[in-house]
C-alpha atoms as a PDB file:
ATOM      1  CA  MET A   1      15.614   8.481 -19.329  1.00  0.00           C
ATOM      2  CA  ASN A   2      14.700  10.993 -22.016  1.00  0.00           C
ATOM      3  CA  PRO A   3      13.284  14.312 -20.933  1.00  0.00           C
ATOM      4  CA  PRO A   4       9.541  14.514 -21.469  1.00  0.00           C
ATOM      5  CA  ILE A   5       8.144  16.108 -24.596  1.00  0.00           C
ATOM      6  CA  ARG A   6       6.665  19.460 -23.707  1.00  0.00           C
ATOM      7  CA  PHE A   7       3.168  19.730 -25.121  1.00  0.00           C
ATOM      8  CA  PRO A   8       1.276  23.007 -24.993  1.00  0.00           C
ATOM      9  CA  GLN A   9      -0.863  22.991 -21.874  1.00  0.00           C
ATOM     10  CA  PRO A  10      -4.134  24.854 -21.482  1.00  0.00           C
ATOM     11  CA  ARG A  11      -4.019  27.486 -18.759  1.00  0.00           C
ATOM     12  CA  PRO A  12      -5.526  26.096 -15.558  1.00  0.00           C
ATOM     13  CA  THR A  13      -8.333  28.175 -14.173  1.00  0.00           C
ATOM     14  CA  ALA A  14      -9.251  28.473 -10.525  1.00  0.00           C
ATOM     15  CA  TRP A  15     -12.198  26.087 -10.911  1.00  0.00           C
ATOM     16  CA  ARG A  16      -9.990  23.473 -12.565  1.00  0.00           C
ATOM     17  CA  ALA A  17      -7.508  23.661  -9.716  1.00  0.00           C
ATOM     18  CA  ALA A  18     -10.316  23.458  -7.177  1.00  0.00           C
ATOM     19  CA  LEU A  19     -11.819  20.458  -8.979  1.00  0.00           C
ATOM     20  CA  ALA A  20      -8.475  18.667  -9.015  1.00  0.00           C
ATOM     21  CA  GLY A  21      -8.021  19.252  -5.309  1.00  0.00           C
ATOM     22  CA  ALA A  22     -11.544  18.049  -4.581  1.00  0.00           C
ATOM     23  CA  VAL A  23     -11.074  14.891  -6.643  1.00  0.00           C
ATOM     24  CA  LEU A  24      -7.796  14.072  -4.968  1.00  0.00           C
ATOM     25  CA  THR A  25      -9.097  14.512  -1.440  1.00  0.00           C
ATOM     26  CA  ALA A  26     -12.722  13.361  -1.830  1.00  0.00           C
ATOM     27  CA  CYS A  27     -11.998   9.758  -0.926  1.00  0.00           C
ATOM     28  CA  LEU A  28     -10.681  10.734   2.484  1.00  0.00           C
ATOM     29  CA  GLY A  29     -14.157  11.570   3.759  1.00  0.00           C
ATOM     30  CA  LEU A  30     -15.936   8.518   2.378  1.00  0.00           C
ATOM     31  CA  SER A  31     -17.224   5.762   4.585  1.00  0.00           C
ATOM     32  CA  GLY A  32     -15.312   2.572   3.955  1.00  0.00           C
ATOM     33  CA  CYS A  33     -12.335   4.595   2.859  1.00  0.00           C
ATOM     34  CA  ALA A  34      -9.246   5.510   4.776  1.00  0.00           C
ATOM     35  CA  GLU A  35      -9.466   8.153   7.459  1.00  0.00           C
ATOM     36  CA  PRO A  36      -7.639  11.432   6.846  1.00  0.00           C
ATOM     37  CA  SER A  37      -5.004  10.291   9.342  1.00  0.00           C
ATOM     38  CA  ASP A  38      -4.193   7.267   7.181  1.00  0.00           C
ATOM     39  CA  SER A  39      -0.691   7.987   5.986  1.00  0.00           C
ATOM     40  CA  GLY A  40      -1.126   5.824   2.865  1.00  0.00           C
ATOM     41  CA  TRP A  41      -3.949   7.900   1.396  1.00  0.00           C
ATOM     42  CA  ALA A  42      -2.436  11.158   2.626  1.00  0.00           C
ATOM     43  CA  ALA A  43       0.890  10.279   0.983  1.00  0.00           C
ATOM     44  CA  PHE A  44      -0.876   9.295  -2.252  1.00  0.00           C
ATOM     45  CA  VAL A  45      -2.875  12.537  -2.365  1.00  0.00           C
ATOM     46  CA  ALA A  46       0.219  14.652  -1.666  1.00  0.00           C
ATOM     47  CA  TRP A  47       2.240  12.793  -4.289  1.00  0.00           C
ATOM     48  CA  GLN A  48      -0.524  13.032  -6.881  1.00  0.00           C
ATOM     49  CA  GLN A  49      -1.033  16.767  -6.353  1.00  0.00           C
ATOM     50  CA  ASP A  50       2.682  17.372  -6.900  1.00  0.00           C
ATOM     51  CA  ALA A  51       2.852  15.041  -9.906  1.00  0.00           C
ATOM     52  CA  ARG A  52      -0.240  16.664 -11.444  1.00  0.00           C
ATOM     53  CA  ARG A  53       1.362  20.093 -11.025  1.00  0.00           C
ATOM     54  CA  GLN A  54       4.463  18.790 -12.818  1.00  0.00           C
ATOM     55  CA  ALA A  55       2.316  17.401 -15.643  1.00  0.00           C
ATOM     56  CA  LEU A  56       0.488  20.725 -16.004  1.00  0.00           C
ATOM     57  CA  GLU A  57       3.871  22.468 -16.217  1.00  0.00           C
ATOM     58  CA  GLY A  58       5.032  20.010 -18.892  1.00  0.00           C
ATOM     59  CA  VAL A  59       7.801  18.568 -16.712  1.00  0.00           C
ATOM     60  CA  LEU A  60       6.177  15.134 -16.386  1.00  0.00           C
ATOM     61  CA  HIS A  61       4.427  13.107 -19.074  1.00  0.00           C
ATOM     62  CA  TRP A  62       0.715  12.692 -18.342  1.00  0.00           C
ATOM     63  CA  SER A  63       1.009   8.985 -19.116  1.00  0.00           C
ATOM     64  CA  THR A  64       3.813   8.706 -16.550  1.00  0.00           C
ATOM     65  CA  LEU A  65       1.611  10.402 -13.957  1.00  0.00           C
ATOM     66  CA  TYR A  66      -1.254   7.974 -14.561  1.00  0.00           C
ATOM     67  CA  GLN A  67       0.999   4.899 -14.777  1.00  0.00           C
ATOM     68  CA  GLN A  68       2.622   5.813 -11.456  1.00  0.00           C
ATOM     69  CA  SER A  69      -0.817   6.544  -9.966  1.00  0.00           C
ATOM     70  CA  PHE A  70      -1.970   3.090 -11.032  1.00  0.00           C
ATOM     71  CA  ASP A  71       1.121   1.461  -9.523  1.00  0.00           C
ATOM     72  CA  ARG A  72       0.708   3.323  -6.226  1.00  0.00           C
ATOM     73  CA  LEU A  73      -3.019   2.617  -6.044  1.00  0.00           C
ATOM     74  CA  THR A  74      -2.616  -1.118  -6.624  1.00  0.00           C
ATOM     75  CA  ALA A  75      -0.090  -1.239  -3.764  1.00  0.00           C
ATOM     76  CA  MET A  76      -2.647   0.221  -1.323  1.00  0.00           C
ATOM     77  CA  PRO A  77      -5.156  -1.797   0.716  1.00  0.00           C
ATOM     78  CA  PRO A  78      -8.393  -2.454  -1.202  1.00  0.00           C
ATOM     79  CA  SER A  79     -11.295  -0.046  -0.740  1.00  0.00           C
ATOM     80  CA  MET A  80     -14.233   1.297  -2.714  1.00  0.00           C
ATOM     81  CA  ALA A  81     -12.362   4.561  -3.276  1.00  0.00           C
ATOM     82  CA  GLN A  82      -9.314   2.667  -4.510  1.00  0.00           C
ATOM     83  CA  ASP A  83     -11.471   0.776  -7.037  1.00  0.00           C
ATOM     84  CA  THR A  84     -13.018   4.007  -8.265  1.00  0.00           C
ATOM     85  CA  TYR A  85      -9.637   5.729  -8.566  1.00  0.00           C
ATOM     86  CA  LEU A  86      -8.215   2.710 -10.420  1.00  0.00           C
ATOM     87  CA  GLU A  87     -11.035   2.680 -12.980  1.00  0.00           C
ATOM     88  CA  ASN A  88     -10.573   6.361 -13.706  1.00  0.00           C
ATOM     89  CA  THR A  89      -6.790   6.095 -13.746  1.00  0.00           C
ATOM     90  CA  VAL A  90      -6.961   3.446 -16.467  1.00  0.00           C
ATOM     91  CA  LEU A  91      -9.204   5.732 -18.541  1.00  0.00           C
ATOM     92  CA  LEU A  92      -6.898   8.695 -17.967  1.00  0.00           C
ATOM     93  CA  LEU A  93      -3.826   6.637 -18.879  1.00  0.00           C
ATOM     94  CA  SER A  94      -5.426   5.626 -22.167  1.00  0.00           C
ATOM     95  CA  VAL A  95      -6.379   9.213 -22.992  1.00  0.00           C
ATOM     96  CA  ALA A  96      -2.904  10.487 -22.036  1.00  0.00           C
ATOM     97  CA  ARG A  97      -1.264   7.964 -24.350  1.00  0.00           C
ATOM     98  CA  LYS A  98      -3.504   9.111 -27.214  1.00  0.00           C
ATOM     99  CA  TYR A  99      -2.587  12.726 -26.473  1.00  0.00           C
ATOM    100  CA  GLU A 100       1.126  11.979 -26.353  1.00  0.00           C
ATOM    101  CA  ALA A 101       0.806  10.032 -29.626  1.00  0.00           C
ATOM    102  CA  ARG A 102      -0.716  13.242 -31.052  1.00  0.00           C
ATOM    103  CA  GLU A 103      -4.057  11.583 -31.718  1.00  0.00           C
ATOM    104  CA  MET A 104      -5.723  14.534 -29.950  1.00  0.00           C
ATOM    105  CA  ASP A 105      -4.708  18.111 -29.302  1.00  0.00           C
ATOM    106  CA  ALA A 106      -4.138  19.812 -25.935  1.00  0.00           C
ATOM    107  CA  GLN A 107      -7.655  21.247 -25.799  1.00  0.00           C
ATOM    108  CA  GLN A 108      -9.304  17.892 -26.519  1.00  0.00           C
ATOM    109  CA  PHE A 109      -7.104  16.182 -23.943  1.00  0.00           C
ATOM    110  CA  SER A 110      -7.899  18.817 -21.339  1.00  0.00           C
ATOM    111  CA  GLN A 111     -11.641  18.501 -21.974  1.00  0.00           C
ATOM    112  CA  VAL A 112     -11.640  14.701 -21.753  1.00  0.00           C
ATOM    113  CA  ARG A 113      -9.372  14.731 -18.676  1.00  0.00           C
ATOM    114  CA  GLU A 114     -11.626  17.226 -16.897  1.00  0.00           C
ATOM    115  CA  GLN A 115     -14.736  15.219 -17.772  1.00  0.00           C
ATOM    116  CA  ILE A 116     -13.223  12.035 -16.316  1.00  0.00           C
ATOM    117  CA  GLU A 117     -12.089  13.936 -13.200  1.00  0.00           C
ATOM    118  CA  ARG A 118     -15.609  15.381 -12.729  1.00  0.00           C
ATOM    119  CA  GLN A 119     -17.086  11.904 -13.020  1.00  0.00           C
ATOM    120  CA  LEU A 120     -14.593  10.636 -10.437  1.00  0.00           C
ATOM    121  CA  ALA A 121     -15.499  13.437  -8.037  1.00  0.00           C
ATOM    122  CA  ALA A 122     -19.223  12.670  -8.476  1.00  0.00           C
ATOM    123  CA  ARG A 123     -18.690   8.955  -7.867  1.00  0.00           C
ATOM    124  CA  LEU A 124     -16.686   9.634  -4.707  1.00  0.00           C
ATOM    125  CA  GLN A 125     -19.392  11.780  -3.135  1.00  0.00           C
END
């Protein structure tokens, strides 16, 4: 496997990191979603936080992150949170592929990614 292309990454700010953490853990408190003790959701959240960190550092392709997220989500038991995550993951995968094809710059990608993540967080509340 070829090493990932390192694209310039915008500097994460504290609010971006907080938003990412909130998005990743928001589903755990939803009714109809898995309880925090559910090892499936806990494992997914832990994996995604680590993979997102790697993508921010340029070690992992964003499209790889979202493709793996999609694969992991579809393997989980169905839930409203899973459906919401899947919808957003498909959007994020599409945007990541455009970014990696150089159809948008790092700032545009960051803005679109953050907007989709904010929408996900709002839908999960």
